[in-house]
């Protein structure tokens, strides 16, 4: 169950990152402030992805020990 949840969440995060990256590459960002905001969002999504992986790994280890 945790693997399904992790996969679902990380897939959604990757989809959002791809959408945002396409906007960066496609030139939809017009100001430096928009660029900073967008790269900040990408950074936050990367952090969220790592937290999900770390939490799932800790959960799996905990359930193995019991």
PDB file of N, CA and C in Angstrom:
ATOM      1  N   UNK A   1       0.823  -1.201   0.000  1.00  0.00           N
ATOM      2  CA  UNK A   1       0.000   0.000   0.000  1.00  0.00           C
ATOM      3  C   UNK A   1       0.861   1.256   0.000  1.00  0.00           C
ATOM      4  N   UNK A   2       1.919   1.255   0.825  1.00  0.00           N
ATOM      5  CA  UNK A   2       2.775   2.441   0.888  1.00  0.00           C
ATOM      6  C   UNK A   2       3.478   2.670  -0.446  1.00  0.00           C
ATOM      7  N   UNK A   3       3.830   1.600  -1.139  1.00  0.00           N
ATOM      8  CA  UNK A   3       4.484   1.745  -2.448  1.00  0.00           C
ATOM      9  C   UNK A   3       3.529   2.390  -3.451  1.00  0.00           C
ATOM     10  N   UNK A   4       2.268   2.006  -3.418  1.00  0.00           N
ATOM     11  CA  UNK A   4       1.285   2.598  -4.323  1.00  0.00           C
ATOM     12  C   UNK A   4       1.111   4.084  -4.037  1.00  0.00           C
ATOM     13  N   UNK A   5       1.039   4.421  -2.762  1.00  0.00           N
ATOM     14  CA  UNK A   5       0.905   5.818  -2.364  1.00  0.00           C
ATOM     15  C   UNK A   5       2.123   6.619  -2.805  1.00  0.00           C
ATOM     16  N   UNK A   6       3.304   6.080  -2.547  1.00  0.00           N
ATOM     17  CA  UNK A   6       4.547   6.752  -2.924  1.00  0.00           C
ATOM     18  C   UNK A   6       4.620   6.950  -4.433  1.00  0.00           C
ATOM     19  N   UNK A   7       4.297   5.923  -5.178  1.00  0.00           N
ATOM     20  CA  UNK A   7       4.329   6.006  -6.629  1.00  0.00           C
ATOM     21  C   UNK A   7       3.334   7.039  -7.130  1.00  0.00           C
ATOM     22  N   UNK A   8       2.135   7.022  -6.593  1.00  0.00           N
ATOM     23  CA  UNK A   8       1.115   7.979  -7.013  1.00  0.00           C
ATOM     24  C   UNK A   8       1.581   9.414  -6.761  1.00  0.00           C
ATOM     25  N   UNK A   9       2.038   9.679  -5.553  1.00  0.00           N
ATOM     26  CA  UNK A   9       2.462  11.040  -5.197  1.00  0.00           C
ATOM     27  C   UNK A   9       3.649  11.497  -6.028  1.00  0.00           C
ATOM     28  N   UNK A  10       4.643  10.647  -6.162  1.00  0.00           N
ATOM     29  CA  UNK A  10       5.827  11.061  -6.911  1.00  0.00           C
ATOM     30  C   UNK A  10       5.524  11.219  -8.405  1.00  0.00           C
ATOM     31  N   UNK A  11       4.625  10.414  -8.926  1.00  0.00           N
ATOM     32  CA  UNK A  11       4.218  10.599 -10.322  1.00  0.00           C
ATOM     33  C   UNK A  11       3.539  11.953 -10.518  1.00  0.00           C
ATOM     34  N   UNK A  12       2.675  12.327  -9.580  1.00  0.00           N
ATOM     35  CA  UNK A  12       1.988  13.624  -9.662  1.00  0.00           C
ATOM     36  C   UNK A  12       2.997  14.768  -9.547  1.00  0.00           C
ATOM     37  N   UNK A  13       3.962  14.626  -8.668  1.00  0.00           N
ATOM     38  CA  UNK A  13       4.995  15.644  -8.516  1.00  0.00           C
ATOM     39  C   UNK A  13       5.803  15.765  -9.802  1.00  0.00           C
ATOM     40  N   UNK A  14       6.180  14.633 -10.380  1.00  0.00           N
ATOM     41  CA  UNK A  14       6.951  14.664 -11.629  1.00  0.00           C
ATOM     42  C   UNK A  14       6.147  15.298 -12.768  1.00  0.00           C
ATOM     43  N   UNK A  15       4.856  15.014 -12.823  1.00  0.00           N
ATOM     44  CA  UNK A  15       3.997  15.639 -13.834  1.00  0.00           C
ATOM     45  C   UNK A  15       4.001  17.159 -13.676  1.00  0.00           C
ATOM     46  N   UNK A  16       3.878  17.627 -12.447  1.00  0.00           N
ATOM     47  CA  UNK A  16       3.865  19.065 -12.183  1.00  0.00           C
ATOM     48  C   UNK A  16       5.209  19.695 -12.522  1.00  0.00           C
ATOM     49  N   UNK A  17       6.297  19.011 -12.164  1.00  0.00           N
ATOM     50  CA  UNK A  17       7.625  19.524 -12.502  1.00  0.00           C
ATOM     51  C   UNK A  17       7.809  19.632 -14.014  1.00  0.00           C
ATOM     52  N   UNK A  18       7.320  18.652 -14.736  1.00  0.00           N
ATOM     53  CA  UNK A  18       7.424  18.678 -16.194  1.00  0.00           C
ATOM     54  C   UNK A  18       6.625  19.840 -16.776  1.00  0.00           C
ATOM     55  N   UNK A  19       5.417  20.041 -16.262  1.00  0.00           N
ATOM     56  CA  UNK A  19       4.580  21.153 -16.713  1.00  0.00           C
ATOM     57  C   UNK A  19       5.277  22.490 -16.473  1.00  0.00           C
ATOM     58  N   UNK A  20       5.845  22.655 -15.284  1.00  0.00           N
ATOM     59  CA  UNK A  20       6.529  23.901 -14.938  1.00  0.00           C
ATOM     60  C   UNK A  20       7.792  24.074 -15.790  1.00  0.00           C
ATOM     61  N   UNK A  21       8.546  23.006 -15.956  1.00  0.00           N
ATOM     62  CA  UNK A  21       9.770  23.063 -16.762  1.00  0.00           C
ATOM     63  C   UNK A  21       9.465  23.424 -18.211  1.00  0.00           C
ATOM     64  N   UNK A  22       8.386  22.885 -18.736  1.00  0.00           N
ATOM     65  CA  UNK A  22       7.980  23.234 -20.099  1.00  0.00           C
ATOM     66  C   UNK A  22       7.709  24.731 -20.217  1.00  0.00           C
ATOM     67  N   UNK A  23       7.122  25.310 -19.188  1.00  0.00           N
ATOM     68  CA  UNK A  23       6.879  26.744 -19.188  1.00  0.00           C
ATOM     69  C   UNK A  23       8.172  27.534 -19.166  1.00  0.00           C
ATOM     70  N   UNK A  24       9.138  27.065 -18.405  1.00  0.00           N
ATOM     71  CA  UNK A  24      10.441  27.736 -18.373  1.00  0.00           C
ATOM     72  C   UNK A  24      11.118  27.682 -19.737  1.00  0.00           C
ATOM     73  N   UNK A  25      11.144  26.509 -20.311  1.00  0.00           N
ATOM     74  CA  UNK A  25      11.802  26.318 -21.606  1.00  0.00           C
ATOM     75  C   UNK A  25      11.034  27.031 -22.708  1.00  0.00           C
ATOM     76  N   UNK A  26       9.716  27.021 -22.612  1.00  0.00           N
ATOM     77  CA  UNK A  26       8.879  27.620 -23.649  1.00  0.00           C
ATOM     78  C   UNK A  26       8.837  29.133 -23.638  1.00  0.00           C
ATOM     79  N   UNK A  27       9.427  29.745 -22.632  1.00  0.00           N
ATOM     80  CA  UNK A  27       9.492  31.197 -22.605  1.00  0.00           C
ATOM     81  C   UNK A  27       8.295  31.894 -22.012  1.00  0.00           C
ATOM     82  N   UNK A  28       7.482  31.178 -21.247  1.00  0.00           N
ATOM     83  CA  UNK A  28       6.300  31.826 -20.669  1.00  0.00           C
ATOM     84  C   UNK A  28       6.647  32.691 -19.460  1.00  0.00           C
ATOM     85  N   UNK A  29       7.854  32.556 -18.947  1.00  0.00           N
ATOM     86  CA  UNK A  29       8.296  33.370 -17.815  1.00  0.00           C
ATOM     87  C   UNK A  29       8.820  34.693 -18.366  1.00  0.00           C
ATOM     88  N   UNK A  30       8.211  35.783 -17.927  1.00  0.00           N
ATOM     89  CA  UNK A  30       8.529  37.094 -18.509  1.00  0.00           C
ATOM     90  C   UNK A  30       9.417  37.960 -17.619  1.00  0.00           C
ATOM     91  N   UNK A  31       9.366  37.753 -16.313  1.00  0.00           N
ATOM     92  CA  UNK A  31      10.148  38.605 -15.421  1.00  0.00           C
ATOM     93  C   UNK A  31      11.059  37.752 -14.546  1.00  0.00           C
ATOM     94  N   UNK A  32      12.047  38.406 -13.978  1.00  0.00           N
ATOM     95  CA  UNK A  32      12.953  37.706 -13.076  1.00  0.00           C
ATOM     96  C   UNK A  32      12.208  37.218 -11.834  1.00  0.00           C
ATOM     97  N   UNK A  33      11.249  37.982 -11.376  1.00  0.00           N
ATOM     98  CA  UNK A  33      10.456  37.575 -10.211  1.00  0.00           C
ATOM     99  C   UNK A  33       9.683  36.295 -10.501  1.00  0.00           C
ATOM    100  N   UNK A  34       9.108  36.190 -11.693  1.00  0.00           N
ATOM    101  CA  UNK A  34       8.403  34.961 -12.083  1.00  0.00           C
ATOM    102  C   UNK A  34       9.381  33.789 -12.155  1.00  0.00           C
ATOM    103  N   UNK A  35      10.560  34.062 -12.668  1.00  0.00           N
ATOM    104  CA  UNK A  35      11.595  33.020 -12.752  1.00  0.00           C
ATOM    105  C   UNK A  35      11.970  32.528 -11.357  1.00  0.00           C
ATOM    106  N   UNK A  36      12.214  33.469 -10.451  1.00  0.00           N
ATOM    107  CA  UNK A  36      12.572  33.091  -9.076  1.00  0.00           C
ATOM    108  C   UNK A  36      11.462  32.283  -8.423  1.00  0.00           C
ATOM    109  N   UNK A  37      10.236  32.724  -8.604  1.00  0.00           N
ATOM    110  CA  UNK A  37       9.102  31.997  -8.021  1.00  0.00           C
ATOM    111  C   UNK A  37       9.012  30.577  -8.596  1.00  0.00           C
ATOM    112  N   UNK A  38       9.140  30.478  -9.895  1.00  0.00           N
ATOM    113  CA  UNK A  38       9.010  29.186 -10.566  1.00  0.00           C
ATOM    114  C   UNK A  38      10.115  28.224 -10.152  1.00  0.00           C
ATOM    115  N   UNK A  39      11.339  28.715 -10.091  1.00  0.00           N
ATOM    116  CA  UNK A  39      12.431  27.829  -9.666  1.00  0.00           C
ATOM    117  C   UNK A  39      12.273  27.456  -8.195  1.00  0.00           C
ATOM    118  N   UNK A  40      11.707  28.354  -7.407  1.00  0.00           N
ATOM    119  CA  UNK A  40      11.423  28.029  -6.004  1.00  0.00           C
ATOM    120  C   UNK A  40      10.384  26.926  -5.882  1.00  0.00           C
ATOM    121  N   UNK A  41       9.368  26.978  -6.722  1.00  0.00           N
ATOM    122  CA  UNK A  41       8.339  25.933  -6.733  1.00  0.00           C
ATOM    123  C   UNK A  41       8.964  24.594  -7.116  1.00  0.00           C
ATOM    124  N   UNK A  42       9.818  24.599  -8.127  1.00  0.00           N
ATOM    125  CA  UNK A  42      10.500  23.361  -8.525  1.00  0.00           C
ATOM    126  C   UNK A  42      11.350  22.815  -7.383  1.00  0.00           C
ATOM    127  N   UNK A  43      12.037  23.698  -6.699  1.00  0.00           N
ATOM    128  CA  UNK A  43      12.849  23.277  -5.552  1.00  0.00           C
ATOM    129  C   UNK A  43      11.956  22.658  -4.469  1.00  0.00           C
ATOM    130  N   UNK A  44      10.837  23.292  -4.194  1.00  0.00           N
ATOM    131  CA  UNK A  44       9.909  22.761  -3.202  1.00  0.00           C
ATOM    132  C   UNK A  44       9.353  21.394  -3.587  1.00  0.00           C
ATOM    133  N   UNK A  45       9.051  21.218  -4.868  1.00  0.00           N
ATOM    134  CA  UNK A  45       8.564  19.921  -5.337  1.00  0.00           C
ATOM    135  C   UNK A  45       9.637  18.842  -5.177  1.00  0.00           C
ATOM    136  N   UNK A  46      10.893  19.203  -5.432  1.00  0.00           N
ATOM    137  CA  UNK A  46      11.980  18.247  -5.227  1.00  0.00           C
ATOM    138  C   UNK A  46      12.110  17.846  -3.762  1.00  0.00           C
ATOM    139  N   UNK A  47      11.964  18.828  -2.880  1.00  0.00           N
ATOM    140  CA  UNK A  47      12.015  18.534  -1.447  1.00  0.00           C
ATOM    141  C   UNK A  47      10.854  17.627  -1.050  1.00  0.00           C
ATOM    142  N   UNK A  48       9.660  17.929  -1.531  1.00  0.00           N
ATOM    143  CA  UNK A  48       8.489  17.106  -1.212  1.00  0.00           C
ATOM    144  C   UNK A  48       8.693  15.669  -1.679  1.00  0.00           C
ATOM    145  N   UNK A  49       9.234  15.507  -2.855  1.00  0.00           N
ATOM    146  CA  UNK A  49       9.496  14.165  -3.401  1.00  0.00           C
ATOM    147  C   UNK A  49      10.464  13.399  -2.506  1.00  0.00           C
ATOM    148  N   UNK A  50      11.517  14.062  -2.061  1.00  0.00           N
ATOM    149  CA  UNK A  50      12.491  13.409  -1.186  1.00  0.00           C
ATOM    150  C   UNK A  50      11.887  13.058   0.168  1.00  0.00           C
ATOM    151  N   UNK A  51      11.038  13.919   0.691  1.00  0.00           N
ATOM    152  CA  UNK A  51      10.365  13.633   1.964  1.00  0.00           C
ATOM    153  C   UNK A  51       9.458  12.412   1.821  1.00  0.00           C
ATOM    154  N   UNK A  52       8.746  12.327   0.728  1.00  0.00           N
ATOM    155  CA  UNK A  52       7.869  11.170   0.501  1.00  0.00           C
ATOM    156  C   UNK A  52       8.686   9.882   0.451  1.00  0.00           C
ATOM    157  N   UNK A  53       9.787   9.903  -0.305  1.00  0.00           N
ATOM    158  CA  UNK A  53      10.637   8.715  -0.384  1.00  0.00           C
ATOM    159  C   UNK A  53      11.211   8.331   0.979  1.00  0.00           C
ATOM    160  N   UNK A  54      11.709   9.321   1.714  1.00  0.00           N
ATOM    161  CA  UNK A  54      12.303   9.050   3.025  1.00  0.00           C
ATOM    162  C   UNK A  54      11.265   8.510   3.999  1.00  0.00           C
ATOM    163  N   UNK A  55      10.078   9.064   3.969  1.00  0.00           N
ATOM    164  CA  UNK A  55       9.015   8.610   4.860  1.00  0.00           C
ATOM    165  C   UNK A  55       8.592   7.186   4.518  1.00  0.00           C
ATOM    166  N   UNK A  56       8.451   6.896   3.233  1.00  0.00           N
ATOM    167  CA  UNK A  56       8.075   5.547   2.808  1.00  0.00           C
ATOM    168  C   UNK A  56       9.145   4.537   3.205  1.00  0.00           C
ATOM    169  N   UNK A  57      10.400   4.922   3.042  1.00  0.00           N
ATOM    170  CA  UNK A  57      11.500   4.027   3.406  1.00  0.00           C
ATOM    171  C   UNK A  57      11.510   3.761   4.905  1.00  0.00           C
ATOM    172  N   UNK A  58      11.320   4.805   5.702  1.00  0.00           N
ATOM    173  CA  UNK A  58      11.279   4.645   7.153  1.00  0.00           C
ATOM    174  C   UNK A  58      10.092   3.778   7.575  1.00  0.00           C
ATOM    175  N   UNK A  59       8.960   3.977   6.935  1.00  0.00           N
ATOM    176  CA  UNK A  59       7.773   3.181   7.244  1.00  0.00           C
ATOM    177  C   UNK A  59       8.013   1.709   6.923  1.00  0.00           C
ATOM    178  N   UNK A  60       8.589   1.439   5.762  1.00  0.00           N
ATOM    179  CA  UNK A  60       8.859   0.054   5.381  1.00  0.00           C
ATOM    180  C   UNK A  60       9.837  -0.596   6.349  1.00  0.00           C
ATOM    181  N   UNK A  61      10.863   0.142   6.761  1.00  0.00           N
ATOM    182  CA  UNK A  61      11.827  -0.404   7.703  1.00  0.00           C
ATOM    183  C   UNK A  61      11.165  -0.681   9.044  1.00  0.00           C
ATOM    184  N   UNK A  62      10.312   0.236   9.477  1.00  0.00           N
ATOM    185  CA  UNK A  62       9.618   0.069  10.748  1.00  0.00           C
ATOM    186  C   UNK A  62       8.700  -1.140  10.729  1.00  0.00           C
ATOM    187  N   UNK A  63       8.007  -1.342   9.635  1.00  0.00           N
ATOM    188  CA  UNK A  63       7.090  -2.483   9.548  1.00  0.00           C
ATOM    189  C   UNK A  63       7.838  -3.803   9.417  1.00  0.00           C
ATOM    190  N   UNK A  64       9.056  -3.761   8.865  1.00  0.00           N
ATOM    191  CA  UNK A  64       9.874  -4.979   8.800  1.00  0.00           C
ATOM    192  C   UNK A  64      10.355  -5.391  10.183  1.00  0.00           C
ATOM    193  N   UNK A  65      10.643  -4.400  11.026  1.00  0.00           N
ATOM    194  CA  UNK A  65      11.186  -4.668  12.361  1.00  0.00           C
ATOM    195  C   UNK A  65      10.130  -5.203  13.326  1.00  0.00           C
ATOM    196  N   UNK A  66       8.862  -5.005  13.009  1.00  0.00           N
ATOM    197  CA  UNK A  66       7.820  -5.469  13.935  1.00  0.00           C
ATOM    198  C   UNK A  66       7.200  -6.764  13.488  1.00  0.00           C
TER     199      UNK A  66
END
